[in-house]
Amino acid sequence: MGSVINEKSNDEYLSRLRLEKIGFVFQTFNLLATMSAYENVELPMKLLAKLSNKQIKQRTVELLTKVGLQDRMDHLVFIILSLCVLMCE
């Protein structure tokens, strides 16, 4: 984005920066429980609107496959999180 980030940076600019340039790794699961794993991964790409629907679908499948969730794409996040908790016990 090429601009200085400081206390004068406005919220709109910072939100755009986070959407376009920064990936987050959370200590907790910050996913929308009412959406599937596929929909949670797809959402930021739809909001950004830089890829075609076909590209978004391909990238979403690619990313979920990379983390071993290709067989759980349509599962609601709550179900996936429950499985993760059971597997960690």
Protein backbone atom coordinates (compact mmCIF):
# COMPACT_ATOMS: atom_id res chain seq x y z
CA MET A 1 0.00 0.00 0.00
CA GLY A 2 3.04 2.20 0.34
CA SER A 3 1.93 4.50 3.16
CA VAL A 4 3.14 4.98 6.69
CA ILE A 5 1.05 3.31 9.39
CA ASN A 6 0.77 5.27 12.61
CA GLU A 7 -1.76 6.67 15.07
CA LYS A 8 -3.13 8.93 12.32
CA SER A 9 -4.01 6.01 9.99
CA ASN A 10 -7.80 5.86 9.61
CA ASP A 11 -9.88 2.76 10.28
CA GLU A 12 -10.93 2.33 6.66
CA TYR A 13 -7.30 2.27 5.50
CA LEU A 14 -6.29 -0.18 8.23
CA SER A 15 -9.24 -2.46 7.47
CA ARG A 16 -8.31 -2.51 3.78
CA LEU A 17 -4.69 -3.25 4.66
CA ARG A 18 -5.71 -6.20 6.85
CA LEU A 19 -8.03 -7.56 4.16
CA GLU A 20 -5.54 -7.26 1.29
CA LYS A 21 -2.08 -7.71 2.79
CA ILE A 22 -2.08 -9.43 6.17
CA GLY A 23 -2.91 -12.99 7.17
CA PHE A 24 -3.78 -13.75 10.77
CA VAL A 25 -2.92 -16.76 12.89
CA PHE A 26 -5.23 -16.84 15.90
CA GLN A 27 -4.72 -18.65 19.18
CA THR A 28 -8.43 -19.41 19.17
CA PHE A 29 -10.75 -20.25 16.33
CA ASN A 30 -12.20 -17.00 15.01
CA LEU A 31 -14.52 -18.55 12.45
CA LEU A 32 -18.20 -18.05 11.80
CA ALA A 33 -19.85 -21.08 13.40
CA THR A 34 -22.94 -20.88 11.20
CA MET A 35 -20.84 -21.18 8.05
CA SER A 36 -19.06 -24.20 6.61
CA ALA A 37 -15.29 -24.51 6.48
CA TYR A 38 -15.54 -23.76 2.75
CA GLU A 39 -17.59 -20.60 3.35
CA ASN A 40 -15.20 -19.36 6.06
CA VAL A 41 -12.21 -19.69 3.73
CA GLU A 42 -14.11 -18.26 0.75
CA LEU A 43 -15.47 -15.16 2.53
CA PRO A 44 -12.33 -12.95 2.58
CA MET A 45 -11.73 -13.63 -1.11
CA LYS A 46 -15.32 -12.66 -1.95
CA LEU A 47 -15.01 -9.46 0.10
CA LEU A 48 -11.77 -8.55 -1.63
CA ALA A 49 -13.37 -9.17 -5.06
CA LYS A 50 -10.10 -9.54 -6.94
CA LEU A 51 -10.67 -13.08 -8.20
CA SER A 52 -13.39 -14.55 -10.38
CA ASN A 53 -15.86 -16.95 -8.78
CA LYS A 54 -14.06 -19.83 -10.51
CA GLN A 55 -10.68 -18.69 -9.12
CA ILE A 56 -12.16 -18.29 -5.64
CA LYS A 57 -13.55 -21.82 -5.75
CA GLN A 58 -10.21 -23.25 -6.92
CA ARG A 59 -8.24 -21.35 -4.27
CA THR A 60 -10.66 -22.29 -1.49
CA VAL A 61 -10.41 -25.98 -2.36
CA GLU A 62 -6.62 -25.70 -2.63
CA LEU A 63 -6.28 -24.09 0.80
CA LEU A 64 -8.60 -26.53 2.55
CA THR A 65 -6.75 -29.43 0.94
CA LYS A 66 -3.41 -28.04 2.16
CA VAL A 67 -4.61 -28.25 5.76
CA GLY A 68 -6.23 -31.67 5.36
CA LEU A 69 -9.85 -30.52 5.40
CA GLN A 70 -10.77 -31.46 1.83
CA ASP A 71 -13.25 -34.05 3.12
CA ARG A 72 -14.83 -31.59 5.57
CA MET A 73 -15.44 -28.58 3.33
CA ASP A 74 -19.20 -28.68 3.78
CA HIS A 75 -19.09 -29.29 7.53
CA LEU A 76 -20.13 -26.49 9.82
CA VAL A 77 -17.21 -25.06 11.76
CA PHE A 78 -18.77 -26.14 15.06
CA ILE A 79 -18.51 -29.80 14.02
CA ILE A 80 -14.88 -29.40 12.92
CA LEU A 81 -13.95 -27.64 16.15
CA SER A 82 -15.62 -30.37 18.19
CA LEU A 83 -13.58 -33.00 16.35
CA CYS A 84 -10.38 -31.03 16.97
CA VAL A 85 -11.10 -30.80 20.67
CA LEU A 86 -11.81 -34.55 20.88
CA MET A 87 -8.62 -35.39 19.02
CA CYS A 88 -6.53 -33.21 21.35
CA GLU A 89 -7.76 -34.87 24.55
